[in-house]
Amino acid sequence: MSQDKDTKPDVKNDTVWTEELLRERRKRASIMAVALLAFIALFFWVTLVKLGANIANRPL
């Protein structure tokens, strides 16, 4: 039961990255980037709308 902590189990990575797999991976990454940017833009827009109403009603 005493196993050296520095030893790692053998992990085989037999994935062969073909052009088709790389193309699909880039496509998924692009879609995720667009979705993230849209989510950030939505938060920014909602923040502007919420703050815009309060800025117009503040005393000068």
PDB file of N, CA and C in Angstrom:
ATOM      1  N   MET A   1       0.809  -1.190   0.000  1.00  0.00           N
ATOM      2  CA  MET A   1       0.000   0.000   0.000  1.00  0.00           C
ATOM      3  C   MET A   1       0.858   1.262   0.000  1.00  0.00           C
ATOM      4  N   SER A   2       2.141   1.119   0.197  1.00  0.00           N
ATOM      5  CA  SER A   2       2.993   2.298   0.149  1.00  0.00           C
ATOM      6  C   SER A   2       3.426   2.521  -1.295  1.00  0.00           C
ATOM      7  N   GLN A   3       2.868   3.550  -1.873  1.00  0.00           N
ATOM      8  CA  GLN A   3       3.159   3.846  -3.281  1.00  0.00           C
ATOM      9  C   GLN A   3       3.828   5.204  -3.346  1.00  0.00           C
ATOM     10  N   ASP A   4       4.838   5.317  -4.144  1.00  0.00           N
ATOM     11  CA  ASP A   4       5.555   6.579  -4.280  1.00  0.00           C
ATOM     12  C   ASP A   4       4.638   7.630  -4.901  1.00  0.00           C
ATOM     13  N   LYS A   5       4.579   8.792  -4.298  1.00  0.00           N
ATOM     14  CA  LYS A   5       3.661   9.836  -4.777  1.00  0.00           C
ATOM     15  C   LYS A   5       4.125  10.463  -6.087  1.00  0.00           C
ATOM     16  N   ASP A   6       5.387  10.301  -6.419  1.00  0.00           N
ATOM     17  CA  ASP A   6       5.901  10.897  -7.645  1.00  0.00           C
ATOM     18  C   ASP A   6       5.578  10.083  -8.887  1.00  0.00           C
ATOM     19  N   THR A   7       5.181   8.849  -8.715  1.00  0.00           N
ATOM     20  CA  THR A   7       4.862   8.027  -9.876  1.00  0.00           C
ATOM     21  C   THR A   7       3.442   8.319 -10.332  1.00  0.00           C
ATOM     22  N   LYS A   8       3.280   8.382 -11.615  1.00  0.00           N
ATOM     23  CA  LYS A   8       1.973   8.651 -12.201  1.00  0.00           C
ATOM     24  C   LYS A   8       1.511   7.416 -12.962  1.00  0.00           C
ATOM     25  N   PRO A   9       0.222   7.161 -12.965  1.00  0.00           N
ATOM     26  CA  PRO A   9      -0.254   6.020 -13.748  1.00  0.00           C
ATOM     27  C   PRO A   9      -0.052   6.266 -15.237  1.00  0.00           C
ATOM     28  N   ASP A  10       0.126   5.183 -15.956  1.00  0.00           N
ATOM     29  CA  ASP A  10       0.316   5.296 -17.397  1.00  0.00           C
ATOM     30  C   ASP A  10      -0.985   5.748 -18.055  1.00  0.00           C
ATOM     31  N   VAL A  11      -0.907   6.858 -18.761  1.00  0.00           N
ATOM     32  CA  VAL A  11      -2.067   7.380 -19.471  1.00  0.00           C
ATOM     33  C   VAL A  11      -1.720   7.382 -20.946  1.00  0.00           C
ATOM     34  N   LYS A  12      -2.525   6.691 -21.711  1.00  0.00           N
ATOM     35  CA  LYS A  12      -2.278   6.637 -23.146  1.00  0.00           C
ATOM     36  C   LYS A  12      -3.142   7.675 -23.841  1.00  0.00           C
ATOM     37  N   ASN A  13      -2.527   8.440 -24.679  1.00  0.00           N
ATOM     38  CA  ASN A  13      -3.233   9.437 -25.474  1.00  0.00           C
ATOM     39  C   ASN A  13      -3.033   9.070 -26.934  1.00  0.00           C
ATOM     40  N   ASP A  14      -3.957   8.290 -27.453  1.00  0.00           N
ATOM     41  CA  ASP A  14      -3.832   7.787 -28.817  1.00  0.00           C
ATOM     42  C   ASP A  14      -4.573   8.641 -29.837  1.00  0.00           C
ATOM     43  N   THR A  15      -4.960   9.875 -29.451  1.00  0.00           N
ATOM     44  CA  THR A  15      -5.704  10.730 -30.361  1.00  0.00           C
ATOM     45  C   THR A  15      -4.789  11.226 -31.470  1.00  0.00           C
ATOM     46  N   VAL A  16      -5.230  11.013 -32.684  1.00  0.00           N
ATOM     47  CA  VAL A  16      -4.497  11.506 -33.841  1.00  0.00           C
ATOM     48  C   VAL A  16      -5.271  12.702 -34.375  1.00  0.00           C
ATOM     49  N   TRP A  17      -4.634  13.859 -34.358  1.00  0.00           N
ATOM     50  CA  TRP A  17      -5.309  15.088 -34.790  1.00  0.00           C
ATOM     51  C   TRP A  17      -5.225  15.220 -36.311  1.00  0.00           C
ATOM     52  N   THR A  18      -6.329  14.896 -36.945  1.00  0.00           N
ATOM     53  CA  THR A  18      -6.394  15.049 -38.392  1.00  0.00           C
ATOM     54  C   THR A  18      -6.836  16.475 -38.703  1.00  0.00           C
ATOM     55  N   GLU A  19      -6.744  16.840 -39.966  1.00  0.00           N
ATOM     56  CA  GLU A  19      -7.172  18.186 -40.379  1.00  0.00           C
ATOM     57  C   GLU A  19      -8.653  18.405 -40.075  1.00  0.00           C
ATOM     58  N   GLU A  20      -9.455  17.373 -40.272  1.00  0.00           N
ATOM     59  CA  GLU A  20     -10.891  17.489 -40.024  1.00  0.00           C
ATOM     60  C   GLU A  20     -11.182  17.734 -38.546  1.00  0.00           C
ATOM     61  N   LEU A  21     -10.487  17.012 -37.662  1.00  0.00           N
ATOM     62  CA  LEU A  21     -10.683  17.205 -36.225  1.00  0.00           C
ATOM     63  C   LEU A  21     -10.224  18.594 -35.788  1.00  0.00           C
ATOM     64  N   LEU A  22      -9.114  19.050 -36.325  1.00  0.00           N
ATOM     65  CA  LEU A  22      -8.628  20.388 -35.990  1.00  0.00           C
ATOM     66  C   LEU A  22      -9.586  21.470 -36.484  1.00  0.00           C
ATOM     67  N   ARG A  23     -10.160  21.261 -37.664  1.00  0.00           N
ATOM     68  CA  ARG A  23     -11.121  22.221 -38.222  1.00  0.00           C
ATOM     69  C   ARG A  23     -12.365  22.292 -37.342  1.00  0.00           C
ATOM     70  N   GLU A  24     -12.856  21.127 -36.903  1.00  0.00           N
ATOM     71  CA  GLU A  24     -14.025  21.105 -36.016  1.00  0.00           C
ATOM     72  C   GLU A  24     -13.715  21.756 -34.674  1.00  0.00           C
ATOM     73  N   ARG A  25     -12.505  21.525 -34.182  1.00  0.00           N
ATOM     74  CA  ARG A  25     -12.101  22.132 -32.902  1.00  0.00           C
ATOM     75  C   ARG A  25     -12.053  23.652 -33.016  1.00  0.00           C
ATOM     76  N   ARG A  26     -11.480  24.156 -34.115  1.00  0.00           N
ATOM     77  CA  ARG A  26     -11.431  25.609 -34.326  1.00  0.00           C
ATOM     78  C   ARG A  26     -12.827  26.190 -34.459  1.00  0.00           C
ATOM     79  N   LYS A  27     -13.729  25.456 -35.123  1.00  0.00           N
ATOM     80  CA  LYS A  27     -15.106  25.924 -35.294  1.00  0.00           C
ATOM     81  C   LYS A  27     -15.802  26.032 -33.938  1.00  0.00           C
ATOM     82  N   ARG A  28     -15.638  25.006 -33.088  1.00  0.00           N
ATOM     83  CA  ARG A  28     -16.234  25.045 -31.747  1.00  0.00           C
ATOM     84  C   ARG A  28     -15.649  26.185 -30.927  1.00  0.00           C
ATOM     85  N   ALA A  29     -14.351  26.406 -31.031  1.00  0.00           N
ATOM     86  CA  ALA A  29     -13.704  27.483 -30.286  1.00  0.00           C
ATOM     87  C   ALA A  29     -14.228  28.838 -30.759  1.00  0.00           C
ATOM     88  N   SER A  30     -14.431  28.998 -32.050  1.00  0.00           N
ATOM     89  CA  SER A  30     -14.969  30.253 -32.581  1.00  0.00           C
ATOM     90  C   SER A  30     -16.394  30.493 -32.093  1.00  0.00           C
ATOM     91  N   ILE A  31     -17.197  29.444 -32.082  1.00  0.00           N
ATOM     92  CA  ILE A  31     -18.579  29.577 -31.607  1.00  0.00           C
ATOM     93  C   ILE A  31     -18.591  29.961 -30.136  1.00  0.00           C
ATOM     94  N   MET A  32     -17.733  29.345 -29.333  1.00  0.00           N
ATOM     95  CA  MET A  32     -17.659  29.681 -27.914  1.00  0.00           C
ATOM     96  C   MET A  32     -17.186  31.112 -27.704  1.00  0.00           C
ATOM     97  N   ALA A  33     -16.255  31.588 -28.523  1.00  0.00           N
ATOM     98  CA  ALA A  33     -15.774  32.964 -28.412  1.00  0.00           C
ATOM     99  C   ALA A  33     -16.891  33.946 -28.736  1.00  0.00           C
ATOM    100  N   VAL A  34     -17.660  33.670 -29.778  1.00  0.00           N
ATOM    101  CA  VAL A  34     -18.773  34.551 -30.148  1.00  0.00           C
ATOM    102  C   VAL A  34     -19.833  34.547 -29.047  1.00  0.00           C
ATOM    103  N   ALA A  35     -20.127  33.381 -28.491  1.00  0.00           N
ATOM    104  CA  ALA A  35     -21.115  33.302 -27.406  1.00  0.00           C
ATOM    105  C   ALA A  35     -20.641  34.075 -26.183  1.00  0.00           C
ATOM    106  N   LEU A  36     -19.370  33.973 -25.844  1.00  0.00           N
ATOM    107  CA  LEU A  36     -18.829  34.706 -24.703  1.00  0.00           C
ATOM    108  C   LEU A  36     -18.888  36.213 -24.939  1.00  0.00           C
ATOM    109  N   LEU A  37     -18.514  36.646 -26.117  1.00  0.00           N
ATOM    110  CA  LEU A  37     -18.574  38.074 -26.435  1.00  0.00           C
ATOM    111  C   LEU A  37     -20.014  38.593 -26.411  1.00  0.00           C
ATOM    112  N   ALA A  38     -20.962  37.802 -26.887  1.00  0.00           N
ATOM    113  CA  ALA A  38     -22.369  38.203 -26.846  1.00  0.00           C
ATOM    114  C   ALA A  38     -22.851  38.313 -25.405  1.00  0.00           C
ATOM    115  N   PHE A  39     -22.430  37.397 -24.552  1.00  0.00           N
ATOM    116  CA  PHE A  39     -22.803  37.427 -23.139  1.00  0.00           C
ATOM    117  C   PHE A  39     -22.230  38.673 -22.458  1.00  0.00           C
ATOM    118  N   ILE A  40     -20.985  38.999 -22.749  1.00  0.00           N
ATOM    119  CA  ILE A  40     -20.361  40.206 -22.193  1.00  0.00           C
ATOM    120  C   ILE A  40     -21.071  41.449 -22.695  1.00  0.00           C
ATOM    121  N   ALA A  41     -21.396  41.494 -23.980  1.00  0.00           N
ATOM    122  CA  ALA A  41     -22.103  42.646 -24.547  1.00  0.00           C
ATOM    123  C   ALA A  41     -23.482  42.801 -23.912  1.00  0.00           C
ATOM    124  N   LEU A  42     -24.159  41.701 -23.638  1.00  0.00           N
ATOM    125  CA  LEU A  42     -25.459  41.754 -22.981  1.00  0.00           C
ATOM    126  C   LEU A  42     -25.341  42.364 -21.593  1.00  0.00           C
ATOM    127  N   PHE A  43     -24.361  41.933 -20.812  1.00  0.00           N
ATOM    128  CA  PHE A  43     -24.152  42.510 -19.482  1.00  0.00           C
ATOM    129  C   PHE A  43     -23.843  44.002 -19.584  1.00  0.00           C
ATOM    130  N   PHE A  44     -23.000  44.389 -20.532  1.00  0.00           N
ATOM    131  CA  PHE A  44     -22.650  45.796 -20.714  1.00  0.00           C
ATOM    132  C   PHE A  44     -23.881  46.613 -21.065  1.00  0.00           C
ATOM    133  N   TRP A  45     -24.697  46.118 -21.987  1.00  0.00           N
ATOM    134  CA  TRP A  45     -25.897  46.824 -22.411  1.00  0.00           C
ATOM    135  C   TRP A  45     -26.886  46.979 -21.257  1.00  0.00           C
ATOM    136  N   VAL A  46     -27.104  45.914 -20.500  1.00  0.00           N
ATOM    137  CA  VAL A  46     -28.025  45.971 -19.362  1.00  0.00           C
ATOM    138  C   VAL A  46     -27.505  46.960 -18.320  1.00  0.00           C
ATOM    139  N   THR A  47     -26.205  46.983 -18.082  1.00  0.00           N
ATOM    140  CA  THR A  47     -25.624  47.924 -17.136  1.00  0.00           C
ATOM    141  C   THR A  47     -25.840  49.359 -17.592  1.00  0.00           C
ATOM    142  N   LEU A  48     -25.620  49.622 -18.871  1.00  0.00           N
ATOM    143  CA  LEU A  48     -25.841  50.973 -19.390  1.00  0.00           C
ATOM    144  C   LEU A  48     -27.297  51.394 -19.257  1.00  0.00           C
ATOM    145  N   VAL A  49     -28.215  50.500 -19.549  1.00  0.00           N
ATOM    146  CA  VAL A  49     -29.638  50.815 -19.452  1.00  0.00           C
ATOM    147  C   VAL A  49     -30.014  51.097 -18.001  1.00  0.00           C
ATOM    148  N   LYS A  50     -29.562  50.280 -17.075  1.00  0.00           N
ATOM    149  CA  LYS A  50     -29.884  50.467 -15.655  1.00  0.00           C
ATOM    150  C   LYS A  50     -29.277  51.759 -15.122  1.00  0.00           C
ATOM    151  N   LEU A  51     -28.028  52.035 -15.458  1.00  0.00           N
ATOM    152  CA  LEU A  51     -27.377  53.246 -14.974  1.00  0.00           C
ATOM    153  C   LEU A  51     -27.882  54.488 -15.695  1.00  0.00           C
ATOM    154  N   GLY A  52     -28.249  54.357 -16.945  1.00  0.00           N
ATOM    155  CA  GLY A  52     -28.706  55.500 -17.733  1.00  0.00           C
ATOM    156  C   GLY A  52     -29.922  56.167 -17.120  1.00  0.00           C
ATOM    157  N   ALA A  53     -30.860  55.389 -16.625  1.00  0.00           N
ATOM    158  CA  ALA A  53     -32.059  55.957 -16.021  1.00  0.00           C
ATOM    159  C   ALA A  53     -31.717  56.699 -14.747  1.00  0.00           C
ATOM    160  N   ASN A  54     -30.780  56.210 -13.967  1.00  0.00           N
ATOM    161  CA  ASN A  54     -30.413  56.857 -12.713  1.00  0.00           C
ATOM    162  C   ASN A  54     -29.574  58.113 -12.955  1.00  0.00           C
ATOM    163  N   ILE A  55     -28.765  58.130 -13.965  1.00  0.00           N
ATOM    164  CA  ILE A  55     -27.944  59.301 -14.244  1.00  0.00           C
ATOM    165  C   ILE A  55     -28.822  60.471 -14.710  1.00  0.00           C
ATOM    166  N   ALA A  56     -29.858  60.191 -15.464  1.00  0.00           N
ATOM    167  CA  ALA A  56     -30.746  61.246 -15.957  1.00  0.00           C
ATOM    168  C   ALA A  56     -31.534  61.890 -14.821  1.00  0.00           C
ATOM    169  N   ASN A  57     -31.771  61.196 -13.729  1.00  0.00           N
ATOM    170  CA  ASN A  57     -32.598  61.701 -12.629  1.00  0.00           C
ATOM    171  C   ASN A  57     -31.775  62.227 -11.448  1.00  0.00           C
ATOM    172  N   ARG A  58     -30.491  62.371 -11.570  1.00  0.00           N
ATOM    173  CA  ARG A  58     -29.691  62.810 -10.434  1.00  0.00           C
ATOM    174  C   ARG A  58     -29.727  64.330 -10.296  1.00  0.00           C
ATOM    175  N   PRO A  59     -29.611  64.828  -9.074  1.00  0.00           N
ATOM    176  CA  PRO A  59     -29.580  66.287  -8.874  1.00  0.00           C
ATOM    177  C   PRO A  59     -28.233  66.859  -9.314  1.00  0.00           C
ATOM    178  N   LEU A  60     -28.246  68.025  -9.890  1.00  0.00           N
ATOM    179  CA  LEU A  60     -27.005  68.656 -10.359  1.00  0.00           C
ATOM    180  C   LEU A  60     -26.527  69.700  -9.409  1.00  0.00           C
TER     181      LEU A  60
END
